[in-house]
Amino acid sequence: MAIKSYRDLQVWQKAMDLVVESYKVVNLLPKNEAYSLATQIQGAAVSIPANIAEGHGREHLGDYLHRLSCANGSLMELETHFFIANRLSYITEAQLQSVLDNAAELGRMLAGLISKLKARYASPDT
């Protein structure tokens, strides 16, 4: 299948799934976290597929790689917020592990895409 849109990218689809999972976990947080940790989790989660989409829409490969790097940074930020939620006993170890497993898979997918794009950047004739 040819990639016609960022929506065709499996990495973007996986990132969207992680957004949904993140929002479900945010609903478990205490109300006093509504404008702090919850907002941070939502912002980091949403920025991952947004950066993938923005990068895909850029004209230059270097811009795409930069946005994918930003997406990866947001993924690390998201994991950190979930570790904090767990340490504060807002989420269980099982809930944390579920998010971390999905984040790890997404991280591998991002790394693979970045690697393929860098290879193309190194030899633009292919």
PDB file of N, CA and C in Angstrom:
ATOM      1  N   MET A   1       0.836  -1.182   0.000  1.00  0.00           N
ATOM      2  CA  MET A   1       0.000   0.000   0.000  1.00  0.00           C
ATOM      3  C   MET A   1       0.882   1.247   0.000  1.00  0.00           C
ATOM      4  N   ALA A   2       0.608   2.147  -0.894  1.00  0.00           N
ATOM      5  CA  ALA A   2       1.360   3.399  -0.975  1.00  0.00           C
ATOM      6  C   ALA A   2       0.896   4.344   0.128  1.00  0.00           C
ATOM      7  N   ILE A   3       1.842   5.092   0.654  1.00  0.00           N
ATOM      8  CA  ILE A   3       1.539   6.078   1.691  1.00  0.00           C
ATOM      9  C   ILE A   3       1.095   7.358   0.991  1.00  0.00           C
ATOM     10  N   LYS A   4      -0.189   7.662   1.111  1.00  0.00           N
ATOM     11  CA  LYS A   4      -0.736   8.862   0.488  1.00  0.00           C
ATOM     12  C   LYS A   4      -0.891   9.996   1.499  1.00  0.00           C
ATOM     13  N   SER A   5      -0.993   9.618   2.751  1.00  0.00           N
ATOM     14  CA  SER A   5      -1.264  10.574   3.807  1.00  0.00           C
ATOM     15  C   SER A   5      -0.566  10.113   5.080  1.00  0.00           C
ATOM     16  N   TYR A   6      -0.314  11.041   5.972  1.00  0.00           N
ATOM     17  CA  TYR A   6       0.238  10.666   7.279  1.00  0.00           C
ATOM     18  C   TYR A   6      -0.693   9.683   7.986  1.00  0.00           C
ATOM     19  N   ARG A   7      -1.996   9.731   7.661  1.00  0.00           N
ATOM     20  CA  ARG A   7      -2.958   8.825   8.290  1.00  0.00           C
ATOM     21  C   ARG A   7      -2.727   7.371   7.880  1.00  0.00           C
ATOM     22  N   ASP A   8      -1.991   7.148   6.798  1.00  0.00           N
ATOM     23  CA  ASP A   8      -1.657   5.798   6.352  1.00  0.00           C
ATOM     24  C   ASP A   8      -0.471   5.209   7.119  1.00  0.00           C
ATOM     25  N   LEU A   9       0.263   6.047   7.839  1.00  0.00           N
ATOM     26  CA  LEU A   9       1.440   5.588   8.557  1.00  0.00           C
ATOM     27  C   LEU A   9       1.029   4.815   9.822  1.00  0.00           C
ATOM     28  N   GLN A  10       1.541   3.608   9.961  1.00  0.00           N
ATOM     29  CA  GLN A  10       1.238   2.807  11.153  1.00  0.00           C
ATOM     30  C   GLN A  10       1.738   3.490  12.417  1.00  0.00           C
ATOM     31  N   VAL A  11       2.857   4.193  12.323  1.00  0.00           N
ATOM     32  CA  VAL A  11       3.402   4.881  13.488  1.00  0.00           C
ATOM     33  C   VAL A  11       2.446   5.982  13.954  1.00  0.00           C
ATOM     34  N   TRP A  12       1.808   6.675  13.033  1.00  0.00           N
ATOM     35  CA  TRP A  12       0.829   7.707  13.397  1.00  0.00           C
ATOM     36  C   TRP A  12      -0.397   7.053  14.037  1.00  0.00           C
ATOM     37  N   GLN A  13      -0.856   5.948  13.459  1.00  0.00           N
ATOM     38  CA  GLN A  13      -2.019   5.241  14.004  1.00  0.00           C
ATOM     39  C   GLN A  13      -1.739   4.739  15.418  1.00  0.00           C
ATOM     40  N   LYS A  14      -0.546   4.209  15.641  1.00  0.00           N
ATOM     41  CA  LYS A  14      -0.161   3.732  16.972  1.00  0.00           C
ATOM     42  C   LYS A  14      -0.091   4.910  17.946  1.00  0.00           C
ATOM     43  N   ALA A  15       0.412   6.035  17.487  1.00  0.00           N
ATOM     44  CA  ALA A  15       0.475   7.230  18.331  1.00  0.00           C
ATOM     45  C   ALA A  15      -0.921   7.704  18.711  1.00  0.00           C
ATOM     46  N   MET A  16      -1.853   7.613  17.785  1.00  0.00           N
ATOM     47  CA  MET A  16      -3.240   7.996  18.080  1.00  0.00           C
ATOM     48  C   MET A  16      -3.841   7.058  19.126  1.00  0.00           C
ATOM     49  N   ASP A  17      -3.519   5.767  19.042  1.00  0.00           N
ATOM     50  CA  ASP A  17      -3.985   4.803  20.049  1.00  0.00           C
ATOM     51  C   ASP A  17      -3.436   5.160  21.429  1.00  0.00           C
ATOM     52  N   LEU A  18      -2.185   5.612  21.473  1.00  0.00           N
ATOM     53  CA  LEU A  18      -1.578   5.993  22.744  1.00  0.00           C
ATOM     54  C   LEU A  18      -2.239   7.250  23.313  1.00  0.00           C
ATOM     55  N   VAL A  19      -2.677   8.149  22.449  1.00  0.00           N
ATOM     56  CA  VAL A  19      -3.419   9.331  22.914  1.00  0.00           C
ATOM     57  C   VAL A  19      -4.695   8.884  23.619  1.00  0.00           C
ATOM     58  N   VAL A  20      -5.432   7.992  22.997  1.00  0.00           N
ATOM     59  CA  VAL A  20      -6.689   7.507  23.581  1.00  0.00           C
ATOM     60  C   VAL A  20      -6.415   6.832  24.927  1.00  0.00           C
ATOM     61  N   GLU A  21      -5.393   5.981  24.972  1.00  0.00           N
ATOM     62  CA  GLU A  21      -5.049   5.310  26.226  1.00  0.00           C
ATOM     63  C   GLU A  21      -4.660   6.336  27.299  1.00  0.00           C
ATOM     64  N   SER A  22      -3.917   7.343  26.913  1.00  0.00           N
ATOM     65  CA  SER A  22      -3.490   8.377  27.858  1.00  0.00           C
ATOM     66  C   SER A  22      -4.673   9.138  28.425  1.00  0.00           C
ATOM     67  N   TYR A  23      -5.620   9.478  27.576  1.00  0.00           N
ATOM     68  CA  TYR A  23      -6.801  10.198  28.043  1.00  0.00           C
ATOM     69  C   TYR A  23      -7.631   9.339  29.005  1.00  0.00           C
ATOM     70  N   LYS A  24      -7.681   8.038  28.757  1.00  0.00           N
ATOM     71  CA  LYS A  24      -8.401   7.147  29.665  1.00  0.00           C
ATOM     72  C   LYS A  24      -7.728   7.108  31.035  1.00  0.00           C
ATOM     73  N   VAL A  25      -6.406   7.087  31.042  1.00  0.00           N
ATOM     74  CA  VAL A  25      -5.684   7.080  32.308  1.00  0.00           C
ATOM     75  C   VAL A  25      -5.861   8.406  33.033  1.00  0.00           C
ATOM     76  N   VAL A  26      -5.872   9.508  32.296  1.00  0.00           N
ATOM     77  CA  VAL A  26      -6.061  10.831  32.906  1.00  0.00           C
ATOM     78  C   VAL A  26      -7.371  10.882  33.684  1.00  0.00           C
ATOM     79  N   ASN A  27      -8.375  10.194  33.180  1.00  0.00           N
ATOM     80  CA  ASN A  27      -9.661  10.161  33.885  1.00  0.00           C
ATOM     81  C   ASN A  27      -9.575   9.500  35.256  1.00  0.00           C
ATOM     82  N   LEU A  28      -8.506   8.758  35.508  1.00  0.00           N
ATOM     83  CA  LEU A  28      -8.310   8.100  36.798  1.00  0.00           C
ATOM     84  C   LEU A  28      -7.626   9.013  37.817  1.00  0.00           C
ATOM     85  N   LEU A  29      -7.058  10.108  37.347  1.00  0.00           N
ATOM     86  CA  LEU A  29      -6.327  11.005  38.243  1.00  0.00           C
ATOM     87  C   LEU A  29      -7.285  11.782  39.134  1.00  0.00           C
ATOM     88  N   PRO A  30      -6.822  12.161  40.313  1.00  0.00           N
ATOM     89  CA  PRO A  30      -7.683  12.963  41.187  1.00  0.00           C
ATOM     90  C   PRO A  30      -7.977  14.331  40.568  1.00  0.00           C
ATOM     91  N   LYS A  31      -9.093  14.890  40.938  1.00  0.00           N
ATOM     92  CA  LYS A  31      -9.541  16.173  40.361  1.00  0.00           C
ATOM     93  C   LYS A  31      -8.524  17.291  40.578  1.00  0.00           C
ATOM     94  N   ASN A  32      -7.770  17.230  41.682  1.00  0.00           N
ATOM     95  CA  ASN A  32      -6.789  18.286  41.934  1.00  0.00           C
ATOM     96  C   ASN A  32      -5.633  18.262  40.932  1.00  0.00           C
ATOM     97  N   GLU A  33      -5.531  17.224  40.125  1.00  0.00           N
ATOM     98  CA  GLU A  33      -4.500  17.138  39.086  1.00  0.00           C
ATOM     99  C   GLU A  33      -5.020  17.575  37.713  1.00  0.00           C
ATOM    100  N   ALA A  34      -6.250  18.036  37.652  1.00  0.00           N
ATOM    101  CA  ALA A  34      -6.871  18.380  36.368  1.00  0.00           C
ATOM    102  C   ALA A  34      -6.084  19.420  35.585  1.00  0.00           C
ATOM    103  N   TYR A  35      -5.462  20.364  36.270  1.00  0.00           N
ATOM    104  CA  TYR A  35      -4.753  21.438  35.567  1.00  0.00           C
ATOM    105  C   TYR A  35      -3.244  21.339  35.715  1.00  0.00           C
ATOM    106  N   SER A  36      -2.769  20.194  36.173  1.00  0.00           N
ATOM    107  CA  SER A  36      -1.330  20.033  36.298  1.00  0.00           C
ATOM    108  C   SER A  36      -0.883  18.754  35.585  1.00  0.00           C
ATOM    109  N   LEU A  37      -0.822  17.659  36.294  1.00  0.00           N
ATOM    110  CA  LEU A  37      -0.328  16.428  35.691  1.00  0.00           C
ATOM    111  C   LEU A  37      -1.214  15.960  34.533  1.00  0.00           C
ATOM    112  N   ALA A  38      -2.513  16.085  34.675  1.00  0.00           N
ATOM    113  CA  ALA A  38      -3.425  15.664  33.599  1.00  0.00           C
ATOM    114  C   ALA A  38      -3.162  16.461  32.323  1.00  0.00           C
ATOM    115  N   THR A  39      -2.997  17.756  32.471  1.00  0.00           N
ATOM    116  CA  THR A  39      -2.729  18.621  31.309  1.00  0.00           C
ATOM    117  C   THR A  39      -1.391  18.270  30.675  1.00  0.00           C
ATOM    118  N   GLN A  40      -0.400  17.980  31.501  1.00  0.00           N
ATOM    119  CA  GLN A  40       0.915  17.610  30.978  1.00  0.00           C
ATOM    120  C   GLN A  40       0.848  16.294  30.198  1.00  0.00           C
ATOM    121  N   ILE A  41       0.129  15.325  30.731  1.00  0.00           N
ATOM    122  CA  ILE A  41      -0.021  14.032  30.053  1.00  0.00           C
ATOM    123  C   ILE A  41      -0.727  14.219  28.716  1.00  0.00           C
ATOM    124  N   GLN A  42      -1.817  14.945  28.732  1.00  0.00           N
ATOM    125  CA  GLN A  42      -2.580  15.154  27.500  1.00  0.00           C
ATOM    126  C   GLN A  42      -1.753  15.899  26.454  1.00  0.00           C
ATOM    127  N   GLY A  43      -1.044  16.931  26.876  1.00  0.00           N
ATOM    128  CA  GLY A  43      -0.236  17.699  25.936  1.00  0.00           C
ATOM    129  C   GLY A  43       0.866  16.877  25.303  1.00  0.00           C
ATOM    130  N   ALA A  44       1.566  16.092  26.122  1.00  0.00           N
ATOM    131  CA  ALA A  44       2.644  15.253  25.598  1.00  0.00           C
ATOM    132  C   ALA A  44       2.089  14.189  24.651  1.00  0.00           C
ATOM    133  N   ALA A  45       0.979  13.572  25.046  1.00  0.00           N
ATOM    134  CA  ALA A  45       0.385  12.515  24.218  1.00  0.00           C
ATOM    135  C   ALA A  45      -0.054  13.051  22.866  1.00  0.00           C
ATOM    136  N   VAL A  46      -0.741  14.166  22.872  1.00  0.00           N
ATOM    137  CA  VAL A  46      -1.272  14.748  21.631  1.00  0.00           C
ATOM    138  C   VAL A  46      -0.149  15.215  20.709  1.00  0.00           C
ATOM    139  N   SER A  47       0.948  15.668  21.290  1.00  0.00           N
ATOM    140  CA  SER A  47       2.019  16.189  20.447  1.00  0.00           C
ATOM    141  C   SER A  47       2.726  15.103  19.645  1.00  0.00           C
ATOM    142  N   ILE A  48       2.618  13.853  20.073  1.00  0.00           N
ATOM    143  CA  ILE A  48       3.313  12.778  19.351  1.00  0.00           C
ATOM    144  C   ILE A  48       2.726  12.591  17.947  1.00  0.00           C
ATOM    145  N   PRO A  49       1.435  12.263  17.795  1.00  0.00           N
ATOM    146  CA  PRO A  49       0.917  12.114  16.430  1.00  0.00           C
ATOM    147  C   PRO A  49       0.893  13.444  15.671  1.00  0.00           C
ATOM    148  N   ALA A  50       0.738  14.555  16.400  1.00  0.00           N
ATOM    149  CA  ALA A  50       0.739  15.857  15.730  1.00  0.00           C
ATOM    150  C   ALA A  50       2.091  16.136  15.078  1.00  0.00           C
ATOM    151  N   ASN A  51       3.168  15.811  15.774  1.00  0.00           N
ATOM    152  CA  ASN A  51       4.496  16.014  15.199  1.00  0.00           C
ATOM    153  C   ASN A  51       4.768  15.066  14.034  1.00  0.00           C
ATOM    154  N   ILE A  52       4.285  13.837  14.145  1.00  0.00           N
ATOM    155  CA  ILE A  52       4.438  12.886  13.031  1.00  0.00           C
ATOM    156  C   ILE A  52       3.717  13.433  11.799  1.00  0.00           C
ATOM    157  N   ALA A  53       2.495  13.904  11.988  1.00  0.00           N
ATOM    158  CA  ALA A  53       1.715  14.444  10.868  1.00  0.00           C
ATOM    159  C   ALA A  53       2.368  15.691  10.294  1.00  0.00           C
ATOM    160  N   GLU A  54       2.802  16.584  11.175  1.00  0.00           N
ATOM    161  CA  GLU A  54       3.431  17.818  10.690  1.00  0.00           C
ATOM    162  C   GLU A  54       4.700  17.513   9.905  1.00  0.00           C
ATOM    163  N   GLY A  55       5.511  16.605  10.426  1.00  0.00           N
ATOM    164  CA  GLY A  55       6.739  16.245   9.725  1.00  0.00           C
ATOM    165  C   GLY A  55       6.471  15.642   8.364  1.00  0.00           C
ATOM    166  N   HIS A  56       5.460  14.785   8.304  1.00  0.00           N
ATOM    167  CA  HIS A  56       5.110  14.153   7.027  1.00  0.00           C
ATOM    168  C   HIS A  56       4.672  15.196   6.006  1.00  0.00           C
ATOM    169  N   GLY A  57       4.078  16.259   6.488  1.00  0.00           N
ATOM    170  CA  GLY A  57       3.606  17.318   5.598  1.00  0.00           C
ATOM    171  C   GLY A  57       4.673  18.306   5.177  1.00  0.00           C
ATOM    172  N   ARG A  58       5.835  18.219   5.764  1.00  0.00           N
ATOM    173  CA  ARG A  58       6.925  19.142   5.426  1.00  0.00           C
ATOM    174  C   ARG A  58       7.553  18.763   4.091  1.00  0.00           C
ATOM    175  N   GLU A  59       8.061  19.770   3.429  1.00  0.00           N
ATOM    176  CA  GLU A  59       8.644  19.568   2.106  1.00  0.00           C
ATOM    177  C   GLU A  59      10.036  18.956   2.167  1.00  0.00           C
ATOM    178  N   HIS A  60      10.788  19.282   3.200  1.00  0.00           N
ATOM    179  CA  HIS A  60      12.180  18.835   3.287  1.00  0.00           C
ATOM    180  C   HIS A  60      12.333  17.682   4.271  1.00  0.00           C
ATOM    181  N   LEU A  61      13.142  16.723   3.892  1.00  0.00           N
ATOM    182  CA  LEU A  61      13.357  15.541   4.708  1.00  0.00           C
ATOM    183  C   LEU A  61      13.946  15.901   6.069  1.00  0.00           C
ATOM    184  N   GLY A  62      14.831  16.885   6.105  1.00  0.00           N
ATOM    185  CA  GLY A  62      15.411  17.323   7.367  1.00  0.00           C
ATOM    186  C   GLY A  62      14.345  17.820   8.329  1.00  0.00           C
ATOM    187  N   ASP A  63      13.345  18.515   7.797  1.00  0.00           N
ATOM    188  CA  ASP A  63      12.234  18.974   8.636  1.00  0.00           C
ATOM    189  C   ASP A  63      11.441  17.794   9.185  1.00  0.00           C
ATOM    190  N   TYR A  64      11.235  16.793   8.338  1.00  0.00           N
ATOM    191  CA  TYR A  64      10.505  15.588   8.756  1.00  0.00           C
ATOM    192  C   TYR A  64      11.258  14.904   9.895  1.00  0.00           C
ATOM    193  N   LEU A  65      12.561  14.740   9.729  1.00  0.00           N
ATOM    194  CA  LEU A  65      13.369  14.106  10.763  1.00  0.00           C
ATOM    195  C   LEU A  65      13.321  14.900  12.068  1.00  0.00           C
ATOM    196  N   HIS A  66      13.335  16.211  11.965  1.00  0.00           N
ATOM    197  CA  HIS A  66      13.264  17.058  13.155  1.00  0.00           C
ATOM    198  C   HIS A  66      11.943  16.841  13.891  1.00  0.00           C
ATOM    199  N   ARG A  67      10.827  16.797  13.159  1.00  0.00           N
ATOM    200  CA  ARG A  67       9.524  16.615  13.792  1.00  0.00           C
ATOM    201  C   ARG A  67       9.410  15.219  14.415  1.00  0.00           C
ATOM    202  N   LEU A  68      10.000  14.217  13.764  1.00  0.00           N
ATOM    203  CA  LEU A  68       9.998  12.870  14.345  1.00  0.00           C
ATOM    204  C   LEU A  68      10.822  12.836  15.627  1.00  0.00           C
ATOM    205  N   SER A  69      11.906  13.599  15.652  1.00  0.00           N
ATOM    206  CA  SER A  69      12.704  13.714  16.861  1.00  0.00           C
ATOM    207  C   SER A  69      11.890  14.378  17.973  1.00  0.00           C
ATOM    208  N   CYS A  70      11.123  15.400  17.616  1.00  0.00           N
ATOM    209  CA  CYS A  70      10.237  16.051  18.594  1.00  0.00           C
ATOM    210  C   CYS A  70       9.191  15.065  19.111  1.00  0.00           C
ATOM    211  N   ALA A  71       8.634  14.253  18.221  1.00  0.00           N
ATOM    212  CA  ALA A  71       7.649  13.244  18.626  1.00  0.00           C
ATOM    213  C   ALA A  71       8.277  12.269  19.614  1.00  0.00           C
ATOM    214  N   ASN A  72       9.517  11.858  19.343  1.00  0.00           N
ATOM    215  CA  ASN A  72      10.205  10.942  20.240  1.00  0.00           C
ATOM    216  C   ASN A  72      10.458  11.597  21.595  1.00  0.00           C
ATOM    217  N   GLY A  73      10.812  12.861  21.599  1.00  0.00           N
ATOM    218  CA  GLY A  73      10.993  13.582  22.857  1.00  0.00           C
ATOM    219  C   GLY A  73       9.702  13.652  23.652  1.00  0.00           C
ATOM    220  N   SER A  74       8.600  13.907  22.966  1.00  0.00           N
ATOM    221  CA  SER A  74       7.292  13.943  23.638  1.00  0.00           C
ATOM    222  C   SER A  74       6.922  12.578  24.186  1.00  0.00           C
ATOM    223  N   LEU A  75       7.321  11.525  23.504  1.00  0.00           N
ATOM    224  CA  LEU A  75       7.074  10.171  23.987  1.00  0.00           C
ATOM    225  C   LEU A  75       7.817   9.929  25.305  1.00  0.00           C
ATOM    226  N   MET A  76       9.062  10.383  25.386  1.00  0.00           N
ATOM    227  CA  MET A  76       9.830  10.240  26.623  1.00  0.00           C
ATOM    228  C   MET A  76       9.211  11.082  27.745  1.00  0.00           C
ATOM    229  N   GLU A  77       8.729  12.262  27.377  1.00  0.00           N
ATOM    230  CA  GLU A  77       8.047  13.119  28.344  1.00  0.00           C
ATOM    231  C   GLU A  77       6.799  12.414  28.882  1.00  0.00           C
ATOM    232  N   LEU A  78       6.028  11.819  27.979  1.00  0.00           N
ATOM    233  CA  LEU A  78       4.809  11.119  28.377  1.00  0.00           C
ATOM    234  C   LEU A  78       5.112   9.974  29.341  1.00  0.00           C
ATOM    235  N   GLU A  79       6.133   9.187  29.018  1.00  0.00           N
ATOM    236  CA  GLU A  79       6.518   8.100  29.913  1.00  0.00           C
ATOM    237  C   GLU A  79       6.851   8.643  31.303  1.00  0.00           C
ATOM    238  N   THR A  80       7.574   9.746  31.351  1.00  0.00           N
ATOM    239  CA  THR A  80       7.961  10.346  32.625  1.00  0.00           C
ATOM    240  C   THR A  80       6.738  10.767  33.433  1.00  0.00           C
ATOM    241  N   HIS A  81       5.761  11.371  32.767  1.00  0.00           N
ATOM    242  CA  HIS A  81       4.537  11.769  33.467  1.00  0.00           C
ATOM    243  C   HIS A  81       3.813  10.554  34.048  1.00  0.00           C
ATOM    244  N   PHE A  82       3.835   9.454  33.321  1.00  0.00           N
ATOM    245  CA  PHE A  82       3.191   8.244  33.835  1.00  0.00           C
ATOM    246  C   PHE A  82       3.969   7.639  35.003  1.00  0.00           C
ATOM    247  N   PHE A  83       5.295   7.724  34.963  1.00  0.00           N
ATOM    248  CA  PHE A  83       6.083   7.287  36.119  1.00  0.00           C
ATOM    249  C   PHE A  83       5.725   8.128  37.344  1.00  0.00           C
ATOM    250  N   ILE A  84       5.563   9.431  37.149  1.00  0.00           N
ATOM    251  CA  ILE A  84       5.181  10.315  38.251  1.00  0.00           C
ATOM    252  C   ILE A  84       3.813   9.921  38.790  1.00  0.00           C
ATOM    253  N   ALA A  85       2.858   9.692  37.889  1.00  0.00           N
ATOM    254  CA  ALA A  85       1.510   9.289  38.318  1.00  0.00           C
ATOM    255  C   ALA A  85       1.558   8.000  39.126  1.00  0.00           C
ATOM    256  N   ASN A  86       2.418   7.098  38.718  1.00  0.00           N
ATOM    257  CA  ASN A  86       2.553   5.839  39.457  1.00  0.00           C
ATOM    258  C   ASN A  86       3.196   6.067  40.821  1.00  0.00           C
ATOM    259  N   ARG A  87       4.229   6.863  40.874  1.00  0.00           N
ATOM    260  CA  ARG A  87       4.902   7.129  42.155  1.00  0.00           C
ATOM    261  C   ARG A  87       3.979   7.837  43.141  1.00  0.00           C
ATOM    262  N   LEU A  88       3.050   8.615  42.612  1.00  0.00           N
ATOM    263  CA  LEU A  88       2.079   9.291  43.466  1.00  0.00           C
ATOM    264  C   LEU A  88       0.879   8.394  43.782  1.00  0.00           C
ATOM    265  N   SER A  89       0.937   7.149  43.328  1.00  0.00           N
ATOM    266  CA  SER A  89      -0.115   6.145  43.534  1.00  0.00           C
ATOM    267  C   SER A  89      -1.443   6.532  42.878  1.00  0.00           C
ATOM    268  N   TYR A  90      -1.366   7.285  41.793  1.00  0.00           N
ATOM    269  CA  TYR A  90      -2.565   7.628  41.029  1.00  0.00           C
ATOM    270  C   TYR A  90      -2.932   6.516  40.058  1.00  0.00           C
ATOM    271  N   ILE A  91      -1.916   5.777  39.599  1.00  0.00           N
ATOM    272  CA  ILE A  91      -2.157   4.642  38.695  1.00  0.00           C
ATOM    273  C   ILE A  91      -1.396   3.434  39.236  1.00  0.00           C
ATOM    274  N   THR A  92      -1.891   2.268  38.900  1.00  0.00           N
ATOM    275  CA  THR A  92      -1.282   1.024  39.370  1.00  0.00           C
ATOM    276  C   THR A  92      -0.072   0.657  38.518  1.00  0.00           C
ATOM    277  N   GLU A  93       0.696  -0.302  39.021  1.00  0.00           N
ATOM    278  CA  GLU A  93       1.832  -0.835  38.250  1.00  0.00           C
ATOM    279  C   GLU A  93       1.346  -1.420  36.921  1.00  0.00           C
ATOM    280  N   ALA A  94       0.208  -2.106  36.949  1.00  0.00           N
ATOM    281  CA  ALA A  94      -0.332  -2.710  35.722  1.00  0.00           C
ATOM    282  C   ALA A  94      -0.704  -1.631  34.706  1.00  0.00           C
ATOM    283  N   GLN A  95      -1.317  -0.552  35.160  1.00  0.00           N
ATOM    284  CA  GLN A  95      -1.668   0.543  34.256  1.00  0.00           C
ATOM    285  C   GLN A  95      -0.410   1.199  33.695  1.00  0.00           C
ATOM    286  N   LEU A  96       0.584   1.395  34.564  1.00  0.00           N
ATOM    287  CA  LEU A  96       1.856   1.959  34.110  1.00  0.00           C
ATOM    288  C   LEU A  96       2.493   1.054  33.069  1.00  0.00           C
ATOM    289  N   GLN A  97       2.527  -0.242  33.348  1.00  0.00           N
ATOM    290  CA  GLN A  97       3.183  -1.179  32.436  1.00  0.00           C
ATOM    291  C   GLN A  97       2.494  -1.224  31.076  1.00  0.00           C
ATOM    292  N   SER A  98       1.182  -1.137  31.068  1.00  0.00           N
ATOM    293  CA  SER A  98       0.447  -1.130  29.807  1.00  0.00           C
ATOM    294  C   SER A  98       0.858   0.069  28.945  1.00  0.00           C
ATOM    295  N   VAL A  99       0.899   1.224  29.572  1.00  0.00           N
ATOM    296  CA  VAL A  99       1.301   2.433  28.839  1.00  0.00           C
ATOM    297  C   VAL A  99       2.753   2.316  28.375  1.00  0.00           C
ATOM    298  N   LEU A 100       3.626   1.851  29.247  1.00  0.00           N
ATOM    299  CA  LEU A 100       5.047   1.727  28.887  1.00  0.00           C
ATOM    300  C   LEU A 100       5.261   0.736  27.757  1.00  0.00           C
ATOM    301  N   ASP A 101       4.512  -0.362  27.759  1.00  0.00           N
ATOM    302  CA  ASP A 101       4.627  -1.337  26.666  1.00  0.00           C
ATOM    303  C   ASP A 101       4.227  -0.707  25.338  1.00  0.00           C
ATOM    304  N   ASN A 102       3.116   0.010  25.344  1.00  0.00           N
ATOM    305  CA  ASN A 102       2.668   0.667  24.113  1.00  0.00           C
ATOM    306  C   ASN A 102       3.622   1.774  23.693  1.00  0.00           C
ATOM    307  N   ALA A 103       4.156   2.498  24.664  1.00  0.00           N
ATOM    308  CA  ALA A 103       5.126   3.550  24.359  1.00  0.00           C
ATOM    309  C   ALA A 103       6.408   2.953  23.781  1.00  0.00           C
ATOM    310  N   ALA A 104       6.843   1.824  24.311  1.00  0.00           N
ATOM    311  CA  ALA A 104       8.053   1.175  23.800  1.00  0.00           C
ATOM    312  C   ALA A 104       7.868   0.730  22.358  1.00  0.00           C
ATOM    313  N   GLU A 105       6.711   0.183  22.066  1.00  0.00           N
ATOM    314  CA  GLU A 105       6.436  -0.231  20.684  1.00  0.00           C
ATOM    315  C   GLU A 105       6.439   0.982  19.759  1.00  0.00           C
ATOM    316  N   LEU A 106       5.802   2.046  20.189  1.00  0.00           N
ATOM    317  CA  LEU A 106       5.781   3.270  19.387  1.00  0.00           C
ATOM    318  C   LEU A 106       7.193   3.814  19.222  1.00  0.00           C
ATOM    319  N   GLY A 107       7.993   3.764  20.277  1.00  0.00           N
ATOM    320  CA  GLY A 107       9.377   4.229  20.189  1.00  0.00           C
ATOM    321  C   GLY A 107      10.180   3.443  19.164  1.00  0.00           C
ATOM    322  N   ARG A 108       9.976   2.130  19.133  1.00  0.00           N
ATOM    323  CA  ARG A 108      10.661   1.300  18.135  1.00  0.00           C
ATOM    324  C   ARG A 108      10.216   1.664  16.723  1.00  0.00           C
ATOM    325  N   MET A 109       8.933   1.922  16.572  1.00  0.00           N
ATOM    326  CA  MET A 109       8.405   2.300  15.253  1.00  0.00           C
ATOM    327  C   MET A 109       8.978   3.648  14.807  1.00  0.00           C
ATOM    328  N   LEU A 110       9.047   4.596  15.727  1.00  0.00           N
ATOM    329  CA  LEU A 110       9.636   5.901  15.405  1.00  0.00           C
ATOM    330  C   LEU A 110      11.104   5.751  15.023  1.00  0.00           C
ATOM    331  N   ALA A 111      11.841   4.955  15.797  1.00  0.00           N
ATOM    332  CA  ALA A 111      13.259   4.738  15.513  1.00  0.00           C
ATOM    333  C   ALA A 111      13.447   4.109  14.136  1.00  0.00           C
ATOM    334  N   GLY A 112      12.598   3.153  13.792  1.00  0.00           N
ATOM    335  CA  GLY A 112      12.679   2.521  12.475  1.00  0.00           C
ATOM    336  C   GLY A 112      12.415   3.502  11.350  1.00  0.00           C
ATOM    337  N   LEU A 113      11.398   4.339  11.517  1.00  0.00           N
ATOM    338  CA  LEU A 113      11.087   5.337  10.492  1.00  0.00           C
ATOM    339  C   LEU A 113      12.222   6.338  10.369  1.00  0.00           C
ATOM    340  N   ILE A 114      12.752   6.788  11.487  1.00  0.00           N
ATOM    341  CA  ILE A 114      13.868   7.746  11.465  1.00  0.00           C
ATOM    342  C   ILE A 114      15.067   7.124  10.762  1.00  0.00           C
ATOM    343  N   SER A 115      15.361   5.874  11.073  1.00  0.00           N
ATOM    344  CA  SER A 115      16.487   5.178  10.451  1.00  0.00           C
ATOM    345  C   SER A 115      16.318   5.073   8.935  1.00  0.00           C
ATOM    346  N   LYS A 116      15.118   4.713   8.503  1.00  0.00           N
ATOM    347  CA  LYS A 116      14.862   4.603   7.061  1.00  0.00           C
ATOM    348  C   LYS A 116      14.979   5.951   6.370  1.00  0.00           C
ATOM    349  N   LEU A 117      14.462   6.983   6.995  1.00  0.00           N
ATOM    350  CA  LEU A 117      14.542   8.314   6.400  1.00  0.00           C
ATOM    351  C   LEU A 117      15.981   8.830   6.360  1.00  0.00           C
ATOM    352  N   LYS A 118      16.753   8.546   7.395  1.00  0.00           N
ATOM    353  CA  LYS A 118      18.159   8.959   7.408  1.00  0.00           C
ATOM    354  C   LYS A 118      18.936   8.250   6.315  1.00  0.00           C
ATOM    355  N   ALA A 119      18.619   6.976   6.089  1.00  0.00           N
ATOM    356  CA  ALA A 119      19.285   6.227   5.022  1.00  0.00           C
ATOM    357  C   ALA A 119      18.966   6.849   3.670  1.00  0.00           C
ATOM    358  N   ARG A 120      17.720   7.263   3.498  1.00  0.00           N
ATOM    359  CA  ARG A 120      17.331   7.928   2.252  1.00  0.00           C
ATOM    360  C   ARG A 120      18.017   9.281   2.134  1.00  0.00           C
ATOM    361  N   TYR A 121      18.161   9.979   3.256  1.00  0.00           N
ATOM    362  CA  TYR A 121      18.817  11.292   3.285  1.00  0.00           C
ATOM    363  C   TYR A 121      20.277  11.172   2.920  1.00  0.00           C
ATOM    364  N   ALA A 122      20.912  10.046   3.359  1.00  0.00           N
ATOM    365  CA  ALA A 122      22.327   9.807   3.082  1.00  0.00           C
ATOM    366  C   ALA A 122      22.559   9.469   1.620  1.00  0.00           C
ATOM    367  N   SER A 123      21.588   8.815   0.975  1.00  0.00           N
ATOM    368  CA  SER A 123      21.727   8.465  -0.453  1.00  0.00           C
ATOM    369  C   SER A 123      20.432   8.821  -1.175  1.00  0.00           C
ATOM    370  N   PRO A 124      20.265  10.090  -1.564  1.00  0.00           N
ATOM    371  CA  PRO A 124      19.003  10.546  -2.151  1.00  0.00           C
ATOM    372  C   PRO A 124      18.688   9.929  -3.514  1.00  0.00           C
ATOM    373  N   ASP A 125      19.604   9.159  -4.083  1.00  0.00           N
ATOM    374  CA  ASP A 125      19.363   8.553  -5.391  1.00  0.00           C
ATOM    375  C   ASP A 125      18.421   7.349  -5.302  1.00  0.00           C
ATOM    376  N   THR A 126      18.214   6.808  -4.090  1.00  0.00           N
ATOM    377  CA  THR A 126      17.397   5.600  -3.953  1.00  0.00           C
ATOM    378  C   THR A 126      15.957   5.930  -3.696  1.00  0.00           C
TER     379      THR A 126
END
